[in-house]
Amino acid sequence: MYEYKVIQIREGLIGGKMSAEKIEDLLNKYAADGWRVKAVTSAEVKGRVGPGGVEGLLVTFERPRG
């Protein structure tokens, strides 16, 4: 059995402009807790204020349950 977590990554959420280094740091943080990347999808992610969205990523992680 597995459990899953989906996070949204967008500019501003990780401290400004999205960069490979910032995304790598975030992925390594989740990996340290036992999560592994299952899928990465480009998507329009809702902003905090107002309608519309910004380009971002949806990252799906999985890890064994228990």
PDB file of N, CA and C in Angstrom:
ATOM      1  N   MET A   1       0.832  -1.191   0.000  1.00  0.00           N
ATOM      2  CA  MET A   1       0.000   0.000   0.000  1.00  0.00           C
ATOM      3  C   MET A   1       0.877   1.255   0.000  1.00  0.00           C
ATOM      4  N   TYR A   2       0.416   2.264  -0.711  1.00  0.00           N
ATOM      5  CA  TYR A   2       1.143   3.526  -0.816  1.00  0.00           C
ATOM      6  C   TYR A   2       0.243   4.673  -0.391  1.00  0.00           C
ATOM      7  N   GLU A   3       0.870   5.767  -0.009  1.00  0.00           N
ATOM      8  CA  GLU A   3       0.142   7.017   0.202  1.00  0.00           C
ATOM      9  C   GLU A   3       0.733   8.045  -0.747  1.00  0.00           C
ATOM     10  N   TYR A   4      -0.065   9.063  -1.073  1.00  0.00           N
ATOM     11  CA  TYR A   4       0.339  10.042  -2.072  1.00  0.00           C
ATOM     12  C   TYR A   4       0.183  11.451  -1.534  1.00  0.00           C
ATOM     13  N   LYS A   5       1.004  12.346  -2.070  1.00  0.00           N
ATOM     14  CA  LYS A   5       0.940  13.764  -1.734  1.00  0.00           C
ATOM     15  C   LYS A   5       1.138  14.524  -3.037  1.00  0.00           C
ATOM     16  N   VAL A   6       0.313  15.538  -3.271  1.00  0.00           N
ATOM     17  CA  VAL A   6       0.445  16.388  -4.450  1.00  0.00           C
ATOM     18  C   VAL A   6       0.706  17.812  -3.968  1.00  0.00           C
ATOM     19  N   ILE A   7       1.772  18.417  -4.496  1.00  0.00           N
ATOM     20  CA  ILE A   7       2.067  19.803  -4.134  1.00  0.00           C
ATOM     21  C   ILE A   7       2.076  20.655  -5.395  1.00  0.00           C
ATOM     22  N   GLN A   8       1.785  21.934  -5.210  1.00  0.00           N
ATOM     23  CA  GLN A   8       1.833  22.907  -6.294  1.00  0.00           C
ATOM     24  C   GLN A   8       3.110  23.713  -6.123  1.00  0.00           C
ATOM     25  N   ILE A   9       3.864  23.847  -7.192  1.00  0.00           N
ATOM     26  CA  ILE A   9       5.050  24.699  -7.171  1.00  0.00           C
ATOM     27  C   ILE A   9       4.793  25.815  -8.169  1.00  0.00           C
ATOM     28  N   ARG A  10       4.906  27.041  -7.713  1.00  0.00           N
ATOM     29  CA  ARG A  10       4.736  28.193  -8.594  1.00  0.00           C
ATOM     30  C   ARG A  10       5.673  29.292  -8.126  1.00  0.00           C
ATOM     31  N   GLU A  11       5.916  30.236  -8.991  1.00  0.00           N
ATOM     32  CA  GLU A  11       6.750  31.367  -8.606  1.00  0.00           C
ATOM     33  C   GLU A  11       6.135  32.032  -7.389  1.00  0.00           C
ATOM     34  N   GLY A  12       6.956  32.429  -6.461  1.00  0.00           N
ATOM     35  CA  GLY A  12       6.472  33.056  -5.233  1.00  0.00           C
ATOM     36  C   GLY A  12       6.354  32.049  -4.107  1.00  0.00           C
ATOM     37  N   LEU A  13       5.892  30.843  -4.399  1.00  0.00           N
ATOM     38  CA  LEU A  13       5.729  29.822  -3.371  1.00  0.00           C
ATOM     39  C   LEU A  13       7.084  29.370  -2.841  1.00  0.00           C
ATOM     40  N   ILE A  14       8.089  29.357  -3.716  1.00  0.00           N
ATOM     41  CA  ILE A  14       9.406  28.892  -3.291  1.00  0.00           C
ATOM     42  C   ILE A  14      10.389  30.055  -3.207  1.00  0.00           C
ATOM     43  N   GLY A  15       9.873  31.249  -2.943  1.00  0.00           N
ATOM     44  CA  GLY A  15      10.745  32.391  -2.721  1.00  0.00           C
ATOM     45  C   GLY A  15      11.210  33.071  -3.989  1.00  0.00           C
ATOM     46  N   GLY A  16      10.281  33.469  -4.831  1.00  0.00           N
ATOM     47  CA  GLY A  16      10.655  34.182  -6.045  1.00  0.00           C
ATOM     48  C   GLY A  16      10.583  33.290  -7.264  1.00  0.00           C
ATOM     49  N   LYS A  17      11.418  33.604  -8.234  1.00  0.00           N
ATOM     50  CA  LYS A  17      11.400  32.899  -9.501  1.00  0.00           C
ATOM     51  C   LYS A  17      11.742  31.415  -9.341  1.00  0.00           C
ATOM     52  N   MET A  18      11.011  30.572 -10.067  1.00  0.00           N
ATOM     53  CA  MET A  18      11.286  29.134 -10.038  1.00  0.00           C
ATOM     54  C   MET A  18      12.646  28.890 -10.677  1.00  0.00           C
ATOM     55  N   SER A  19      13.475  28.146  -9.999  1.00  0.00           N
ATOM     56  CA  SER A  19      14.762  27.765 -10.574  1.00  0.00           C
ATOM     57  C   SER A  19      14.974  26.289 -10.307  1.00  0.00           C
ATOM     58  N   ALA A  20      15.825  25.685 -11.115  1.00  0.00           N
ATOM     59  CA  ALA A  20      16.117  24.264 -10.937  1.00  0.00           C
ATOM     60  C   ALA A  20      16.665  24.005  -9.538  1.00  0.00           C
ATOM     61  N   GLU A  21      17.498  24.895  -9.042  1.00  0.00           N
ATOM     62  CA  GLU A  21      18.097  24.717  -7.708  1.00  0.00           C
ATOM     63  C   GLU A  21      17.038  24.729  -6.608  1.00  0.00           C
ATOM     64  N   LYS A  22      16.088  25.652  -6.684  1.00  0.00           N
ATOM     65  CA  LYS A  22      15.034  25.737  -5.665  1.00  0.00           C
ATOM     66  C   LYS A  22      14.117  24.513  -5.723  1.00  0.00           C
ATOM     67  N   ILE A  23      13.792  24.064  -6.939  1.00  0.00           N
ATOM     68  CA  ILE A  23      12.949  22.878  -7.072  1.00  0.00           C
ATOM     69  C   ILE A  23      13.691  21.653  -6.553  1.00  0.00           C
ATOM     70  N   GLU A  24      14.977  21.555  -6.870  1.00  0.00           N
ATOM     71  CA  GLU A  24      15.790  20.439  -6.385  1.00  0.00           C
ATOM     72  C   GLU A  24      15.824  20.406  -4.858  1.00  0.00           C
ATOM     73  N   ASP A  25      15.994  21.557  -4.229  1.00  0.00           N
ATOM     74  CA  ASP A  25      15.993  21.628  -2.764  1.00  0.00           C
ATOM     75  C   ASP A  25      14.668  21.127  -2.190  1.00  0.00           C
ATOM     76  N   LEU A  26      13.565  21.541  -2.807  1.00  0.00           N
ATOM     77  CA  LEU A  26      12.246  21.119  -2.339  1.00  0.00           C
ATOM     78  C   LEU A  26      12.060  19.609  -2.497  1.00  0.00           C
ATOM     79  N   LEU A  27      12.477  19.066  -3.649  1.00  0.00           N
ATOM     80  CA  LEU A  27      12.359  17.628  -3.877  1.00  0.00           C
ATOM     81  C   LEU A  27      13.211  16.846  -2.880  1.00  0.00           C
ATOM     82  N   ASN A  28      14.412  17.331  -2.601  1.00  0.00           N
ATOM     83  CA  ASN A  28      15.278  16.661  -1.630  1.00  0.00           C
ATOM     84  C   ASN A  28      14.695  16.699  -0.221  1.00  0.00           C
ATOM     85  N   LYS A  29      13.996  17.781   0.104  1.00  0.00           N
ATOM     86  CA  LYS A  29      13.338  17.880   1.418  1.00  0.00           C
ATOM     87  C   LYS A  29      12.288  16.773   1.567  1.00  0.00           C
ATOM     88  N   TYR A  30      11.474  16.575   0.535  1.00  0.00           N
ATOM     89  CA  TYR A  30      10.457  15.523   0.592  1.00  0.00           C
ATOM     90  C   TYR A  30      11.102  14.138   0.564  1.00  0.00           C
ATOM     91  N   ALA A  31      12.159  13.973  -0.204  1.00  0.00           N
ATOM     92  CA  ALA A  31      12.860  12.684  -0.271  1.00  0.00           C
ATOM     93  C   ALA A  31      13.401  12.285   1.097  1.00  0.00           C
ATOM     94  N   ALA A  32      13.860  13.252   1.865  1.00  0.00           N
ATOM     95  CA  ALA A  32      14.384  12.973   3.209  1.00  0.00           C
ATOM     96  C   ALA A  32      13.295  12.411   4.122  1.00  0.00           C
ATOM     97  N   ASP A  33      12.027  12.696   3.805  1.00  0.00           N
ATOM     98  CA  ASP A  33      10.894  12.173   4.577  1.00  0.00           C
ATOM     99  C   ASP A  33      10.339  10.881   3.973  1.00  0.00           C
ATOM    100  N   GLY A  34      11.054  10.310   3.008  1.00  0.00           N
ATOM    101  CA  GLY A  34      10.643   9.037   2.431  1.00  0.00           C
ATOM    102  C   GLY A  34       9.782   9.118   1.186  1.00  0.00           C
ATOM    103  N   TRP A  35       9.501  10.337   0.682  1.00  0.00           N
ATOM    104  CA  TRP A  35       8.672  10.490  -0.515  1.00  0.00           C
ATOM    105  C   TRP A  35       9.536  10.351  -1.757  1.00  0.00           C
ATOM    106  N   ARG A  36       8.965   9.787  -2.827  1.00  0.00           N
ATOM    107  CA  ARG A  36       9.636   9.769  -4.119  1.00  0.00           C
ATOM    108  C   ARG A  36       8.699  10.350  -5.155  1.00  0.00           C
ATOM    109  N   VAL A  37       9.276  10.989  -6.165  1.00  0.00           N
ATOM    110  CA  VAL A  37       8.473  11.640  -7.196  1.00  0.00           C
ATOM    111  C   VAL A  37       7.827  10.579  -8.073  1.00  0.00           C
ATOM    112  N   LYS A  38       6.527  10.675  -8.211  1.00  0.00           N
ATOM    113  CA  LYS A  38       5.754   9.767  -9.060  1.00  0.00           C
ATOM    114  C   LYS A  38       5.483  10.423 -10.411  1.00  0.00           C
ATOM    115  N   ALA A  39       5.178  11.738 -10.396  1.00  0.00           N
ATOM    116  CA  ALA A  39       4.868  12.448 -11.642  1.00  0.00           C
ATOM    117  C   ALA A  39       5.072  13.947 -11.450  1.00  0.00           C
ATOM    118  N   VAL A  40       5.432  14.619 -12.541  1.00  0.00           N
ATOM    119  CA  VAL A  40       5.518  16.076 -12.568  1.00  0.00           C
ATOM    120  C   VAL A  40       4.704  16.539 -13.769  1.00  0.00           C
ATOM    121  N   THR A  41       3.766  17.457 -13.516  1.00  0.00           N
ATOM    122  CA  THR A  41       2.877  17.932 -14.570  1.00  0.00           C
ATOM    123  C   THR A  41       2.900  19.451 -14.606  1.00  0.00           C
ATOM    124  N   SER A  42       3.056  20.016 -15.786  1.00  0.00           N
ATOM    125  CA  SER A  42       2.957  21.453 -15.953  1.00  0.00           C
ATOM    126  C   SER A  42       1.479  21.825 -15.920  1.00  0.00           C
ATOM    127  N   ALA A  43       1.154  22.888 -15.184  1.00  0.00           N
ATOM    128  CA  ALA A  43      -0.254  23.252 -15.052  1.00  0.00           C
ATOM    129  C   ALA A  43      -0.394  24.728 -14.737  1.00  0.00           C
ATOM    130  N   GLU A  44      -1.573  25.241 -15.002  1.00  0.00           N
ATOM    131  CA  GLU A  44      -1.887  26.593 -14.558  1.00  0.00           C
ATOM    132  C   GLU A  44      -2.326  26.471 -13.109  1.00  0.00           C
ATOM    133  N   VAL A  45      -1.593  27.120 -12.213  1.00  0.00           N
ATOM    134  CA  VAL A  45      -1.843  27.010 -10.787  1.00  0.00           C
ATOM    135  C   VAL A  45      -2.457  28.308 -10.302  1.00  0.00           C
ATOM    136  N   LYS A  46      -3.542  28.195  -9.541  1.00  0.00           N
ATOM    137  CA  LYS A  46      -4.223  29.388  -9.040  1.00  0.00           C
ATOM    138  C   LYS A  46      -3.301  30.206  -8.155  1.00  0.00           C
ATOM    139  N   GLY A  47      -3.356  31.526  -8.339  1.00  0.00           N
ATOM    140  CA  GLY A  47      -2.600  32.435  -7.493  1.00  0.00           C
ATOM    141  C   GLY A  47      -3.312  32.646  -6.174  1.00  0.00           C
ATOM    142  N   ARG A  48      -2.673  33.355  -5.273  1.00  0.00           N
ATOM    143  CA  ARG A  48      -3.275  33.609  -3.963  1.00  0.00           C
ATOM    144  C   ARG A  48      -4.375  34.661  -4.019  1.00  0.00           C
ATOM    145  N   VAL A  49      -4.230  35.623  -4.939  1.00  0.00           N
ATOM    146  CA  VAL A  49      -5.180  36.730  -4.987  1.00  0.00           C
ATOM    147  C   VAL A  49      -5.722  36.870  -6.403  1.00  0.00           C
ATOM    148  N   GLY A  50      -7.015  37.044  -6.496  1.00  0.00           N
ATOM    149  CA  GLY A  50      -7.635  37.320  -7.779  1.00  0.00           C
ATOM    150  C   GLY A  50      -7.833  36.093  -8.646  1.00  0.00           C
ATOM    151  N   PRO A  51      -8.532  36.300  -9.768  1.00  0.00           N
ATOM    152  CA  PRO A  51      -8.800  35.203 -10.684  1.00  0.00           C
ATOM    153  C   PRO A  51      -7.569  34.857 -11.516  1.00  0.00           C
ATOM    154  N   GLY A  52      -7.668  33.796 -12.262  1.00  0.00           N
ATOM    155  CA  GLY A  52      -6.580  33.407 -13.144  1.00  0.00           C
ATOM    156  C   GLY A  52      -5.525  32.613 -12.407  1.00  0.00           C
ATOM    157  N   GLY A  53      -4.434  32.401 -13.069  1.00  0.00           N
ATOM    158  CA  GLY A  53      -3.384  31.610 -12.462  1.00  0.00           C
ATOM    159  C   GLY A  53      -2.049  31.911 -13.093  1.00  0.00           C
ATOM    160  N   VAL A  54      -1.061  31.191 -12.653  1.00  0.00           N
ATOM    161  CA  VAL A  54       0.286  31.330 -13.181  1.00  0.00           C
ATOM    162  C   VAL A  54       0.771  29.942 -13.577  1.00  0.00           C
ATOM    163  N   GLU A  55       1.760  29.923 -14.449  1.00  0.00           N
ATOM    164  CA  GLU A  55       2.343  28.642 -14.813  1.00  0.00           C
ATOM    165  C   GLU A  55       3.033  28.045 -13.601  1.00  0.00           C
ATOM    166  N   GLY A  56       2.848  26.791 -13.402  1.00  0.00           N
ATOM    167  CA  GLY A  56       3.480  26.126 -12.285  1.00  0.00           C
ATOM    168  C   GLY A  56       3.580  24.640 -12.548  1.00  0.00           C
ATOM    169  N   LEU A  57       3.916  23.926 -11.510  1.00  0.00           N
ATOM    170  CA  LEU A  57       4.065  22.482 -11.591  1.00  0.00           C
ATOM    171  C   LEU A  57       3.217  21.817 -10.524  1.00  0.00           C
ATOM    172  N   LEU A  58       2.637  20.682 -10.858  1.00  0.00           N
ATOM    173  CA  LEU A  58       2.025  19.815  -9.867  1.00  0.00           C
ATOM    174  C   LEU A  58       2.958  18.622  -9.739  1.00  0.00           C
ATOM    175  N   VAL A  59       3.435  18.372  -8.528  1.00  0.00           N
ATOM    176  CA  VAL A  59       4.351  17.263  -8.290  1.00  0.00           C
ATOM    177  C   VAL A  59       3.627  16.243  -7.417  1.00  0.00           C
ATOM    178  N   THR A  60       3.560  15.012  -7.899  1.00  0.00           N
ATOM    179  CA  THR A  60       2.930  13.928  -7.154  1.00  0.00           C
ATOM    180  C   THR A  60       4.033  13.053  -6.572  1.00  0.00           C
ATOM    181  N   PHE A  61       3.957  12.854  -5.260  1.00  0.00           N
ATOM    182  CA  PHE A  61       4.903  12.009  -4.541  1.00  0.00           C
ATOM    183  C   PHE A  61       4.191  10.758  -4.051  1.00  0.00           C
ATOM    184  N   GLU A  62       4.950   9.688  -3.859  1.00  0.00           N
ATOM    185  CA  GLU A  62       4.398   8.489  -3.242  1.00  0.00           C
ATOM    186  C   GLU A  62       5.425   7.922  -2.270  1.00  0.00           C
ATOM    187  N   ARG A  63       4.918   7.193  -1.279  1.00  0.00           N
ATOM    188  CA  ARG A  63       5.778   6.454  -0.368  1.00  0.00           C
ATOM    189  C   ARG A  63       4.971   5.303   0.222  1.00  0.00           C
ATOM    190  N   PRO A  64       5.668   4.264   0.639  1.00  0.00           N
ATOM    191  CA  PRO A  64       4.953   3.150   1.261  1.00  0.00           C
ATOM    192  C   PRO A  64       4.212   3.619   2.510  1.00  0.00           C
ATOM    193  N   ARG A  65       3.021   3.145   2.689  1.00  0.00           N
ATOM    194  CA  ARG A  65       2.219   3.505   3.858  1.00  0.00           C
ATOM    195  C   ARG A  65       2.765   2.774   5.086  1.00  0.00           C
ATOM    196  N   GLY A  66       2.755   3.473   6.195  1.00  0.00           N
ATOM    197  CA  GLY A  66       3.158   2.804   7.424  1.00  0.00           C
ATOM    198  C   GLY A  66       4.363   3.386   7.945  1.00  0.00           C
TER     199      GLY A  66
END
